[in-house]
């Protein structure tokens, strides 16, 4: 029995398992954190691209000239592009017609006490109008320490917001000719 205890005490067969057990938790936690950050940045990029695609419909007058509901057309494009990363009902947006590009500073994003975007409505404007399009989404962080580092609300979430300011094109030829 004494020889067995001495051999076990000197043996290094279990050292690798013990070392792995010490390193495994921080390693997997770091791995999950990297994956979550990657998904968060992919969702942010997707929201930005979707907002730009939906803004293009406003710039070219497709939203304003639709036979259907302009707001629904905008939402369909926005939601169609973020499918898979962001639930459509969680996206908050506003479309505002401004007096000019210098007027941008007078339209800051405003949020309620829960951190939700207080939309100023949906007004895609008409020919040669300057339009501000803003979309926001609160990304829920799942990793506790990552949430403590990146969260900007008590709900352990990160606000993603994208803004596009554009001037609509002269899409209605009859209206442009009448103005000349």
N, C-alpha and C. Protein backbone atom coordinates (compact mmCIF):
# COMPACT_ATOMS: atom_id res chain seq x y z
N UNK A 1 0.83 -1.19 0.00
CA UNK A 1 0.00 0.00 0.00
C UNK A 1 0.87 1.25 0.00
N UNK A 2 1.95 1.26 0.74
CA UNK A 2 2.84 2.41 0.80
C UNK A 2 3.48 2.68 -0.55
N UNK A 3 3.83 1.59 -1.29
CA UNK A 3 4.44 1.77 -2.60
C UNK A 3 3.43 2.40 -3.58
N UNK A 4 2.19 2.01 -3.48
CA UNK A 4 1.15 2.56 -4.35
C UNK A 4 0.97 4.06 -4.10
N UNK A 5 0.95 4.46 -2.84
CA UNK A 5 0.78 5.87 -2.50
C UNK A 5 1.97 6.67 -3.00
N UNK A 6 3.20 6.14 -2.83
CA UNK A 6 4.39 6.85 -3.31
C UNK A 6 4.37 6.98 -4.84
N UNK A 7 4.00 5.92 -5.51
CA UNK A 7 3.95 5.95 -6.97
C UNK A 7 2.86 6.93 -7.45
N UNK A 8 1.73 6.94 -6.76
CA UNK A 8 0.65 7.86 -7.13
C UNK A 8 1.07 9.31 -6.88
N UNK A 9 1.79 9.53 -5.77
CA UNK A 9 2.22 10.88 -5.41
C UNK A 9 3.22 11.42 -6.43
N UNK A 10 4.08 10.55 -6.93
CA UNK A 10 5.09 10.96 -7.90
C UNK A 10 4.58 10.93 -9.33
N UNK A 11 3.49 10.27 -9.57
CA UNK A 11 2.97 10.14 -10.93
C UNK A 11 2.51 11.47 -11.49
N UNK A 12 2.70 11.64 -12.79
CA UNK A 12 2.31 12.88 -13.46
C UNK A 12 1.22 12.64 -14.50
N UNK A 13 0.60 11.49 -14.45
CA UNK A 13 -0.43 11.16 -15.43
C UNK A 13 -1.65 12.08 -15.30
N UNK A 14 -2.00 12.45 -14.12
CA UNK A 14 -3.19 13.27 -13.91
C UNK A 14 -2.89 14.77 -13.94
N UNK A 15 -1.64 15.14 -14.07
CA UNK A 15 -1.28 16.56 -14.05
C UNK A 15 -1.92 17.31 -15.21
N UNK A 16 -1.95 16.71 -16.37
CA UNK A 16 -2.55 17.36 -17.53
C UNK A 16 -4.04 17.59 -17.31
N UNK A 17 -4.71 16.61 -16.75
CA UNK A 17 -6.14 16.75 -16.49
C UNK A 17 -6.41 17.86 -15.47
N UNK A 18 -5.58 17.94 -14.45
CA UNK A 18 -5.75 18.98 -13.44
C UNK A 18 -5.48 20.36 -14.05
N UNK A 19 -4.42 20.46 -14.85
CA UNK A 19 -4.11 21.74 -15.50
C UNK A 19 -5.24 22.16 -16.45
N UNK A 20 -5.77 21.21 -17.19
CA UNK A 20 -6.87 21.53 -18.09
C UNK A 20 -8.10 21.98 -17.30
N UNK A 21 -8.35 21.31 -16.17
CA UNK A 21 -9.50 21.68 -15.35
C UNK A 21 -9.36 23.11 -14.83
N UNK A 22 -8.15 23.54 -14.55
CA UNK A 22 -7.93 24.91 -14.08
C UNK A 22 -8.10 25.94 -15.19
N UNK A 23 -7.75 25.56 -16.41
CA UNK A 23 -7.76 26.49 -17.53
C UNK A 23 -9.06 26.40 -18.34
N UNK A 24 -9.80 25.31 -18.23
CA UNK A 24 -10.96 25.07 -19.08
C UNK A 24 -12.05 26.14 -18.91
N UNK A 25 -12.42 26.46 -17.68
CA UNK A 25 -13.51 27.41 -17.47
C UNK A 25 -13.19 28.79 -18.06
N UNK A 26 -12.04 29.39 -17.72
CA UNK A 26 -11.74 30.69 -18.34
C UNK A 26 -11.63 30.61 -19.87
N UNK A 27 -11.09 29.50 -20.38
CA UNK A 27 -10.95 29.35 -21.83
C UNK A 27 -12.32 29.31 -22.50
N UNK A 28 -13.24 28.50 -22.00
CA UNK A 28 -14.56 28.40 -22.61
C UNK A 28 -15.37 29.69 -22.42
N UNK A 29 -15.19 30.34 -21.28
CA UNK A 29 -15.87 31.61 -21.05
C UNK A 29 -15.39 32.66 -22.04
N UNK A 30 -14.08 32.70 -22.28
CA UNK A 30 -13.51 33.62 -23.27
C UNK A 30 -14.01 33.27 -24.66
N UNK A 31 -14.07 32.00 -24.97
CA UNK A 31 -14.55 31.55 -26.28
C UNK A 31 -16.01 31.96 -26.50
N UNK A 32 -16.85 31.77 -25.51
CA UNK A 32 -18.26 32.16 -25.62
C UNK A 32 -18.37 33.68 -25.75
N UNK A 33 -17.55 34.42 -25.01
CA UNK A 33 -17.55 35.88 -25.11
C UNK A 33 -17.15 36.36 -26.49
N UNK A 34 -16.16 35.74 -27.09
CA UNK A 34 -15.73 36.10 -28.44
C UNK A 34 -16.84 35.81 -29.45
N UNK A 35 -17.48 34.68 -29.29
CA UNK A 35 -18.59 34.33 -30.19
C UNK A 35 -19.73 35.33 -30.04
N UNK A 36 -20.06 35.69 -28.79
CA UNK A 36 -21.15 36.64 -28.58
C UNK A 36 -20.81 38.01 -29.16
N UNK A 37 -19.58 38.47 -28.97
CA UNK A 37 -19.17 39.75 -29.56
C UNK A 37 -19.24 39.70 -31.08
N UNK A 38 -18.84 38.58 -31.66
CA UNK A 38 -18.90 38.44 -33.11
C UNK A 38 -20.34 38.52 -33.61
N UNK A 39 -21.24 37.86 -32.92
CA UNK A 39 -22.65 37.90 -33.31
C UNK A 39 -23.21 39.31 -33.13
N UNK A 40 -22.80 39.99 -32.05
CA UNK A 40 -23.27 41.35 -31.82
C UNK A 40 -22.80 42.29 -32.94
N UNK A 41 -21.53 42.19 -33.33
CA UNK A 41 -21.03 43.05 -34.40
C UNK A 41 -21.66 42.69 -35.75
N UNK A 42 -21.94 41.42 -35.96
CA UNK A 42 -22.63 41.03 -37.20
C UNK A 42 -24.05 41.60 -37.22
N UNK A 43 -24.73 41.57 -36.08
CA UNK A 43 -26.08 42.15 -35.99
C UNK A 43 -26.03 43.66 -36.21
N UNK A 44 -25.01 44.31 -35.66
CA UNK A 44 -24.87 45.76 -35.84
C UNK A 44 -24.64 46.10 -37.31
N UNK A 45 -23.79 45.33 -37.95
CA UNK A 45 -23.52 45.55 -39.37
C UNK A 45 -24.75 45.28 -40.22
N UNK A 46 -25.50 44.25 -39.86
CA UNK A 46 -26.73 43.91 -40.59
C UNK A 46 -27.77 45.02 -40.44
N UNK A 47 -27.92 45.56 -39.23
CA UNK A 47 -28.86 46.66 -39.01
C UNK A 47 -28.46 47.88 -39.85
N UNK A 48 -27.18 48.17 -39.90
CA UNK A 48 -26.70 49.30 -40.68
C UNK A 48 -26.98 49.10 -42.17
N UNK A 49 -26.68 47.91 -42.68
CA UNK A 49 -26.92 47.63 -44.10
C UNK A 49 -28.41 47.66 -44.43
N UNK A 50 -29.23 47.12 -43.54
CA UNK A 50 -30.69 47.11 -43.77
C UNK A 50 -31.25 48.53 -43.77
N UNK A 51 -30.76 49.36 -42.87
CA UNK A 51 -31.22 50.75 -42.84
C UNK A 51 -30.82 51.49 -44.11
N UNK A 52 -29.61 51.23 -44.59
CA UNK A 52 -29.17 51.85 -45.84
C UNK A 52 -30.00 51.37 -47.03
N UNK A 53 -30.33 50.09 -47.06
CA UNK A 53 -31.16 49.57 -48.16
C UNK A 53 -32.57 50.16 -48.13
N UNK A 54 -33.14 50.27 -46.93
CA UNK A 54 -34.48 50.86 -46.81
C UNK A 54 -34.43 52.36 -47.12
N UNK A 55 -33.34 53.02 -46.74
CA UNK A 55 -33.19 54.44 -47.05
C UNK A 55 -33.08 54.67 -48.55
N UNK A 56 -32.51 53.73 -49.24
CA UNK A 56 -32.39 53.86 -50.71
C UNK A 56 -33.78 53.94 -51.35
N UNK A 57 -34.74 53.22 -50.81
CA UNK A 57 -36.11 53.29 -51.34
C UNK A 57 -36.73 54.67 -51.13
N UNK A 58 -36.35 55.31 -50.03
CA UNK A 58 -36.84 56.67 -49.79
C UNK A 58 -36.12 57.65 -50.71
N UNK A 59 -34.80 57.48 -50.86
CA UNK A 59 -34.02 58.37 -51.72
C UNK A 59 -34.53 58.36 -53.16
N UNK A 60 -34.88 57.19 -53.66
CA UNK A 60 -35.32 57.07 -55.06
C UNK A 60 -36.82 57.28 -55.24
N UNK A 61 -37.55 57.50 -54.15
CA UNK A 61 -38.97 57.80 -54.26
C UNK A 61 -39.87 56.59 -54.35
N UNK A 62 -39.34 55.40 -54.21
CA UNK A 62 -40.16 54.20 -54.31
C UNK A 62 -41.15 54.11 -53.16
N UNK A 63 -40.72 54.51 -51.97
CA UNK A 63 -41.62 54.48 -50.81
C UNK A 63 -42.74 55.51 -50.99
N UNK A 64 -42.38 56.70 -51.44
CA UNK A 64 -43.36 57.77 -51.57
C UNK A 64 -44.37 57.49 -52.69
N UNK A 65 -43.97 56.77 -53.72
CA UNK A 65 -44.84 56.54 -54.88
C UNK A 65 -45.52 55.18 -54.87
N UNK A 66 -45.38 54.44 -53.80
CA UNK A 66 -45.99 53.11 -53.75
C UNK A 66 -47.52 53.22 -53.75
N UNK A 67 -48.16 52.23 -54.32
CA UNK A 67 -49.62 52.18 -54.29
C UNK A 67 -50.13 51.69 -52.95
N UNK A 68 -49.26 51.01 -52.21
CA UNK A 68 -49.64 50.49 -50.90
C UNK A 68 -49.27 51.46 -49.79
N UNK A 69 -49.02 50.89 -48.62
CA UNK A 69 -48.66 51.67 -47.44
C UNK A 69 -47.15 51.94 -47.46
N UNK A 70 -46.73 53.21 -47.51
CA UNK A 70 -45.30 53.53 -47.54
C UNK A 70 -44.54 53.01 -46.32
N UNK A 71 -45.15 53.13 -45.15
CA UNK A 71 -44.50 52.66 -43.93
C UNK A 71 -44.30 51.14 -43.98
N UNK A 72 -45.29 50.42 -44.47
CA UNK A 72 -45.20 48.96 -44.56
C UNK A 72 -44.11 48.55 -45.55
N UNK A 73 -44.00 49.27 -46.65
CA UNK A 73 -42.94 48.97 -47.63
C UNK A 73 -41.56 49.17 -47.01
N UNK A 74 -41.39 50.26 -46.27
CA UNK A 74 -40.13 50.53 -45.58
C UNK A 74 -39.82 49.43 -44.58
N UNK A 75 -40.81 49.06 -43.76
CA UNK A 75 -40.63 48.00 -42.76
C UNK A 75 -40.31 46.66 -43.41
N UNK A 76 -40.97 46.35 -44.52
CA UNK A 76 -40.72 45.07 -45.20
C UNK A 76 -39.27 44.95 -45.64
N UNK A 77 -38.72 46.02 -46.19
CA UNK A 77 -37.32 45.98 -46.64
C UNK A 77 -36.39 45.92 -45.43
N UNK A 78 -36.65 46.74 -44.43
CA UNK A 78 -35.82 46.77 -43.23
C UNK A 78 -35.82 45.40 -42.55
N UNK A 79 -36.99 44.84 -42.35
CA UNK A 79 -37.10 43.55 -41.66
C UNK A 79 -36.59 42.39 -42.51
N UNK A 80 -36.77 42.49 -43.81
CA UNK A 80 -36.29 41.43 -44.69
C UNK A 80 -34.78 41.29 -44.67
N UNK A 81 -34.07 42.40 -44.45
CA UNK A 81 -32.61 42.38 -44.46
C UNK A 81 -32.01 41.93 -43.13
N UNK A 82 -32.73 42.10 -42.03
CA UNK A 82 -32.17 41.74 -40.72
C UNK A 82 -32.61 40.36 -40.25
N UNK A 83 -33.40 39.70 -41.07
CA UNK A 83 -33.93 38.39 -40.70
C UNK A 83 -32.79 37.45 -40.29
N UNK A 84 -32.94 36.80 -39.16
CA UNK A 84 -31.94 35.87 -38.68
C UNK A 84 -31.09 36.43 -37.55
N UNK A 85 -30.85 37.74 -37.57
CA UNK A 85 -30.04 38.36 -36.52
C UNK A 85 -30.89 39.13 -35.52
N UNK A 86 -31.88 39.83 -36.03
CA UNK A 86 -32.65 40.74 -35.19
C UNK A 86 -34.14 40.48 -35.40
N UNK A 87 -34.90 40.31 -34.33
CA UNK A 87 -36.35 40.18 -34.50
C UNK A 87 -36.94 41.52 -34.96
N UNK A 88 -37.77 41.47 -35.97
CA UNK A 88 -38.30 42.68 -36.59
C UNK A 88 -39.06 43.56 -35.60
N UNK A 89 -39.80 42.95 -34.70
CA UNK A 89 -40.60 43.74 -33.76
C UNK A 89 -39.74 44.45 -32.71
N UNK A 90 -38.44 44.15 -32.66
CA UNK A 90 -37.55 44.80 -31.70
C UNK A 90 -36.85 46.03 -32.29
N UNK A 91 -37.00 46.24 -33.60
CA UNK A 91 -36.37 47.40 -34.23
C UNK A 91 -37.28 48.61 -34.07
N UNK A 92 -36.71 49.70 -33.62
CA UNK A 92 -37.43 50.96 -33.51
C UNK A 92 -36.84 51.91 -34.54
N UNK A 93 -37.68 52.67 -35.21
CA UNK A 93 -37.15 53.57 -36.24
C UNK A 93 -37.97 54.84 -36.32
N UNK A 94 -37.37 55.83 -36.96
CA UNK A 94 -38.07 57.07 -37.26
C UNK A 94 -37.55 57.60 -38.59
N UNK A 95 -38.44 58.24 -39.33
CA UNK A 95 -38.12 58.86 -40.61
C UNK A 95 -38.66 60.28 -40.53
N UNK A 96 -37.75 61.26 -40.61
CA UNK A 96 -38.10 62.66 -40.39
C UNK A 96 -37.65 63.50 -41.59
N UNK A 97 -38.51 64.37 -42.07
CA UNK A 97 -38.12 65.34 -43.09
C UNK A 97 -37.58 66.58 -42.39
N UNK A 98 -36.38 67.02 -42.82
CA UNK A 98 -35.72 68.17 -42.20
C UNK A 98 -35.71 69.35 -43.18
N UNK A 99 -35.37 70.52 -42.66
CA UNK A 99 -35.29 71.72 -43.50
C UNK A 99 -34.03 71.74 -44.36
N UNK A 100 -32.98 71.09 -43.92
CA UNK A 100 -31.72 71.05 -44.67
C UNK A 100 -30.70 70.22 -43.93
N UNK A 101 -29.52 70.05 -44.53
CA UNK A 101 -28.48 69.24 -43.90
C UNK A 101 -27.96 69.88 -42.63
N UNK A 102 -27.94 71.20 -42.57
CA UNK A 102 -27.46 71.88 -41.36
C UNK A 102 -28.43 71.72 -40.20
N UNK A 103 -29.63 71.27 -40.46
CA UNK A 103 -30.66 71.09 -39.45
C UNK A 103 -30.51 69.77 -38.68
N UNK A 104 -29.55 68.95 -39.08
CA UNK A 104 -29.36 67.62 -38.50
C UNK A 104 -29.15 67.66 -36.99
N UNK A 105 -28.38 68.63 -36.50
CA UNK A 105 -28.07 68.70 -35.07
C UNK A 105 -29.30 68.97 -34.21
N UNK A 106 -30.34 69.52 -34.78
CA UNK A 106 -31.53 69.81 -33.99
C UNK A 106 -32.48 68.62 -33.89
N UNK A 107 -32.04 67.45 -34.38
CA UNK A 107 -32.85 66.23 -34.28
C UNK A 107 -32.08 65.12 -33.57
N UNK A 108 -31.72 65.32 -32.29
CA UNK A 108 -31.02 64.24 -31.59
C UNK A 108 -31.98 63.08 -31.30
N UNK A 109 -31.43 61.90 -31.18
CA UNK A 109 -32.25 60.74 -30.82
C UNK A 109 -32.70 60.91 -29.37
N UNK A 110 -33.96 60.67 -29.11
CA UNK A 110 -34.46 60.76 -27.74
C UNK A 110 -35.00 59.39 -27.33
N UNK A 111 -34.77 59.07 -26.07
CA UNK A 111 -35.14 57.76 -25.54
C UNK A 111 -35.96 57.93 -24.27
N UNK A 112 -36.88 56.99 -24.05
CA UNK A 112 -37.68 57.02 -22.83
C UNK A 112 -36.88 56.41 -21.68
N UNK A 113 -37.49 56.32 -20.51
CA UNK A 113 -36.77 55.81 -19.34
C UNK A 113 -36.39 54.33 -19.46
N UNK A 114 -37.05 53.59 -20.34
CA UNK A 114 -36.70 52.19 -20.57
C UNK A 114 -35.62 52.03 -21.63
N UNK A 115 -35.18 53.13 -22.22
CA UNK A 115 -34.15 53.08 -23.25
C UNK A 115 -34.67 52.85 -24.64
N UNK A 116 -35.97 52.98 -24.85
CA UNK A 116 -36.56 52.80 -26.18
C UNK A 116 -36.56 54.12 -26.94
N UNK A 117 -36.31 54.04 -28.23
CA UNK A 117 -36.31 55.22 -29.09
C UNK A 117 -37.71 55.83 -29.12
N UNK A 118 -37.80 57.12 -28.86
CA UNK A 118 -39.07 57.82 -28.98
C UNK A 118 -39.15 58.35 -30.40
N UNK A 119 -39.89 57.65 -31.22
CA UNK A 119 -39.96 57.96 -32.64
C UNK A 119 -40.69 59.28 -32.88
N UNK A 120 -40.14 60.06 -33.82
CA UNK A 120 -40.78 61.31 -34.21
C UNK A 120 -41.72 61.08 -35.38
N UNK A 121 -41.96 59.82 -35.72
CA UNK A 121 -42.92 59.50 -36.77
C UNK A 121 -42.30 58.98 -38.04
N UNK A 122 -43.12 58.95 -39.08
CA UNK A 122 -42.69 58.45 -40.38
C UNK A 122 -43.12 59.45 -41.45
N UNK A 123 -42.17 60.25 -41.91
CA UNK A 123 -42.43 61.24 -42.96
C UNK A 123 -41.30 61.16 -43.99
N UNK A 124 -41.49 60.36 -45.05
CA UNK A 124 -40.41 60.18 -46.03
C UNK A 124 -40.18 61.37 -46.94
N UNK A 125 -40.99 62.41 -46.82
CA UNK A 125 -40.80 63.61 -47.63
C UNK A 125 -41.21 63.42 -49.07
N UNK A 126 -40.75 64.35 -49.92
CA UNK A 126 -41.05 64.27 -51.35
C UNK A 126 -39.78 64.64 -52.12
N UNK A 127 -39.90 65.12 -53.33
CA UNK A 127 -38.76 65.41 -54.20
C UNK A 127 -37.82 66.44 -53.56
N UNK A 128 -36.52 66.15 -53.58
CA UNK A 128 -35.45 67.03 -53.10
C UNK A 128 -35.58 67.43 -51.63
N UNK A 129 -36.23 66.62 -50.82
CA UNK A 129 -36.29 66.86 -49.38
C UNK A 129 -35.10 66.20 -48.71
N UNK A 130 -34.66 66.78 -47.60
CA UNK A 130 -33.62 66.17 -46.78
C UNK A 130 -34.33 65.33 -45.72
N UNK A 131 -33.96 64.06 -45.66
CA UNK A 131 -34.66 63.11 -44.78
C UNK A 131 -33.66 62.44 -43.85
N UNK A 132 -34.03 62.33 -42.59
CA UNK A 132 -33.24 61.62 -41.59
C UNK A 132 -33.93 60.29 -41.31
N UNK A 133 -33.18 59.19 -41.44
CA UNK A 133 -33.70 57.86 -41.14
C UNK A 133 -32.85 57.29 -40.02
N UNK A 134 -33.48 56.91 -38.93
CA UNK A 134 -32.76 56.40 -37.77
C UNK A 134 -33.40 55.09 -37.33
N UNK A 135 -32.58 54.06 -37.15
CA UNK A 135 -33.06 52.77 -36.66
C UNK A 135 -32.26 52.38 -35.42
N UNK A 136 -32.95 51.82 -34.43
CA UNK A 136 -32.31 51.44 -33.18
C UNK A 136 -32.76 50.04 -32.78
N UNK A 137 -31.84 49.34 -32.10
CA UNK A 137 -32.13 48.00 -31.60
C UNK A 137 -31.32 47.77 -30.33
N UNK A 138 -31.94 47.20 -29.32
CA UNK A 138 -31.23 46.84 -28.09
C UNK A 138 -30.83 45.37 -28.16
N UNK A 139 -29.54 45.13 -28.27
CA UNK A 139 -29.02 43.76 -28.37
C UNK A 139 -28.85 43.20 -26.96
N UNK A 140 -29.53 42.10 -26.63
CA UNK A 140 -29.40 41.52 -25.29
C UNK A 140 -28.08 40.76 -25.15
N UNK A 141 -27.28 41.12 -24.15
CA UNK A 141 -26.01 40.44 -23.90
C UNK A 141 -26.25 39.28 -22.95
N UNK A 142 -25.72 38.12 -23.30
CA UNK A 142 -25.97 36.91 -22.52
C UNK A 142 -24.84 36.58 -21.56
N UNK A 143 -23.61 36.91 -21.91
CA UNK A 143 -22.46 36.61 -21.08
C UNK A 143 -22.38 37.66 -19.97
N UNK A 144 -22.43 37.25 -18.69
CA UNK A 144 -22.50 38.23 -17.60
C UNK A 144 -21.35 39.24 -17.56
N UNK A 145 -20.12 38.80 -17.65
CA UNK A 145 -19.01 39.74 -17.58
C UNK A 145 -18.95 40.62 -18.82
N UNK A 146 -19.30 40.07 -19.95
CA UNK A 146 -19.35 40.86 -21.18
C UNK A 146 -20.46 41.90 -21.07
N UNK A 147 -21.57 41.51 -20.47
CA UNK A 147 -22.66 42.44 -20.26
C UNK A 147 -22.25 43.58 -19.34
N UNK A 148 -21.46 43.27 -18.32
CA UNK A 148 -20.99 44.31 -17.41
C UNK A 148 -20.06 45.28 -18.12
N UNK A 149 -19.30 44.80 -19.08
CA UNK A 149 -18.34 45.65 -19.79
C UNK A 149 -18.99 46.46 -20.91
N UNK A 150 -19.97 45.90 -21.60
CA UNK A 150 -20.52 46.53 -22.79
C UNK A 150 -21.94 47.06 -22.65
N UNK A 151 -22.68 46.61 -21.67
CA UNK A 151 -24.09 47.02 -21.55
C UNK A 151 -24.19 48.51 -21.25
N UNK A 152 -25.19 49.14 -21.83
CA UNK A 152 -25.42 50.55 -21.57
C UNK A 152 -26.81 50.79 -21.00
N UNK A 153 -27.37 49.74 -20.41
CA UNK A 153 -28.67 49.87 -19.77
C UNK A 153 -28.75 48.88 -18.61
N UNK A 154 -29.68 49.09 -17.70
CA UNK A 154 -29.82 48.14 -16.59
C UNK A 154 -30.36 46.78 -17.04
N UNK A 155 -30.81 46.68 -18.28
CA UNK A 155 -31.38 45.43 -18.79
C UNK A 155 -30.32 44.54 -19.43
N UNK A 156 -29.03 44.84 -19.20
CA UNK A 156 -27.92 44.05 -19.73
C UNK A 156 -28.00 43.96 -21.26
N UNK A 157 -28.15 45.11 -21.90
CA UNK A 157 -28.24 45.15 -23.36
C UNK A 157 -27.39 46.30 -23.90
N UNK A 158 -27.07 46.21 -25.17
CA UNK A 158 -26.26 47.22 -25.86
C UNK A 158 -27.11 47.88 -26.93
N UNK A 159 -27.17 49.21 -26.92
CA UNK A 159 -27.94 49.95 -27.91
C UNK A 159 -27.16 50.01 -29.21
N UNK A 160 -27.81 49.58 -30.28
CA UNK A 160 -27.26 49.72 -31.63
C UNK A 160 -28.13 50.74 -32.33
N UNK A 161 -27.51 51.75 -32.89
CA UNK A 161 -28.28 52.79 -33.58
C UNK A 161 -27.54 53.17 -34.85
N UNK A 162 -28.29 53.32 -35.91
CA UNK A 162 -27.72 53.74 -37.18
C UNK A 162 -28.57 54.87 -37.74
N UNK A 163 -27.89 55.84 -38.33
CA UNK A 163 -28.58 57.03 -38.84
C UNK A 163 -28.14 57.29 -40.28
N UNK A 164 -29.10 57.59 -41.13
CA UNK A 164 -28.83 57.95 -42.52
C UNK A 164 -29.51 59.29 -42.77
N UNK A 165 -28.75 60.24 -43.30
CA UNK A 165 -29.32 61.52 -43.71
C UNK A 165 -29.09 61.64 -45.21
N UNK A 166 -30.15 61.91 -45.95
CA UNK A 166 -30.04 61.93 -47.41
C UNK A 166 -30.95 62.99 -48.00
N UNK A 167 -30.71 63.29 -49.26
CA UNK A 167 -31.60 64.16 -50.01
C UNK A 167 -32.27 63.30 -51.07
N UNK A 168 -33.58 63.36 -51.11
CA UNK A 168 -34.30 62.53 -52.09
C UNK A 168 -34.01 63.02 -53.50
N UNK A 169 -34.06 62.09 -54.42
CA UNK A 169 -33.80 62.40 -55.83
C UNK A 169 -35.03 63.02 -56.47
N UNK A 170 -34.85 63.69 -57.61
CA UNK A 170 -36.01 64.23 -58.33
C UNK A 170 -36.72 63.11 -59.09
N UNK A 171 -37.41 62.27 -58.33
CA UNK A 171 -38.01 61.06 -58.90
C UNK A 171 -39.30 61.32 -59.66
N UNK A 172 -40.02 62.36 -59.33
CA UNK A 172 -41.29 62.65 -60.00
C UNK A 172 -41.03 63.69 -61.09
N UNK A 173 -40.90 63.24 -62.31
CA UNK A 173 -40.52 64.12 -63.42
C UNK A 173 -41.55 65.24 -63.62
N UNK A 174 -42.82 64.94 -63.49
CA UNK A 174 -43.86 65.97 -63.67
C UNK A 174 -43.69 67.09 -62.66
N UNK A 175 -43.39 66.74 -61.41
CA UNK A 175 -43.25 67.76 -60.38
C UNK A 175 -41.99 68.60 -60.63
N UNK A 176 -40.91 68.01 -61.10
CA UNK A 176 -39.68 68.74 -61.39
C UNK A 176 -39.90 69.71 -62.54
N UNK A 177 -40.58 69.28 -63.59
CA UNK A 177 -40.86 70.14 -64.74
C UNK A 177 -41.75 71.30 -64.33
N UNK A 178 -42.73 71.06 -63.47
CA UNK A 178 -43.62 72.13 -63.01
C UNK A 178 -42.86 73.19 -62.21
N UNK A 179 -41.81 72.76 -61.47
CA UNK A 179 -41.04 73.70 -60.66
C UNK A 179 -40.13 74.57 -61.53
N UNK A 180 -39.77 74.10 -62.71
CA UNK A 180 -38.90 74.88 -63.60
C UNK A 180 -39.72 75.95 -64.24
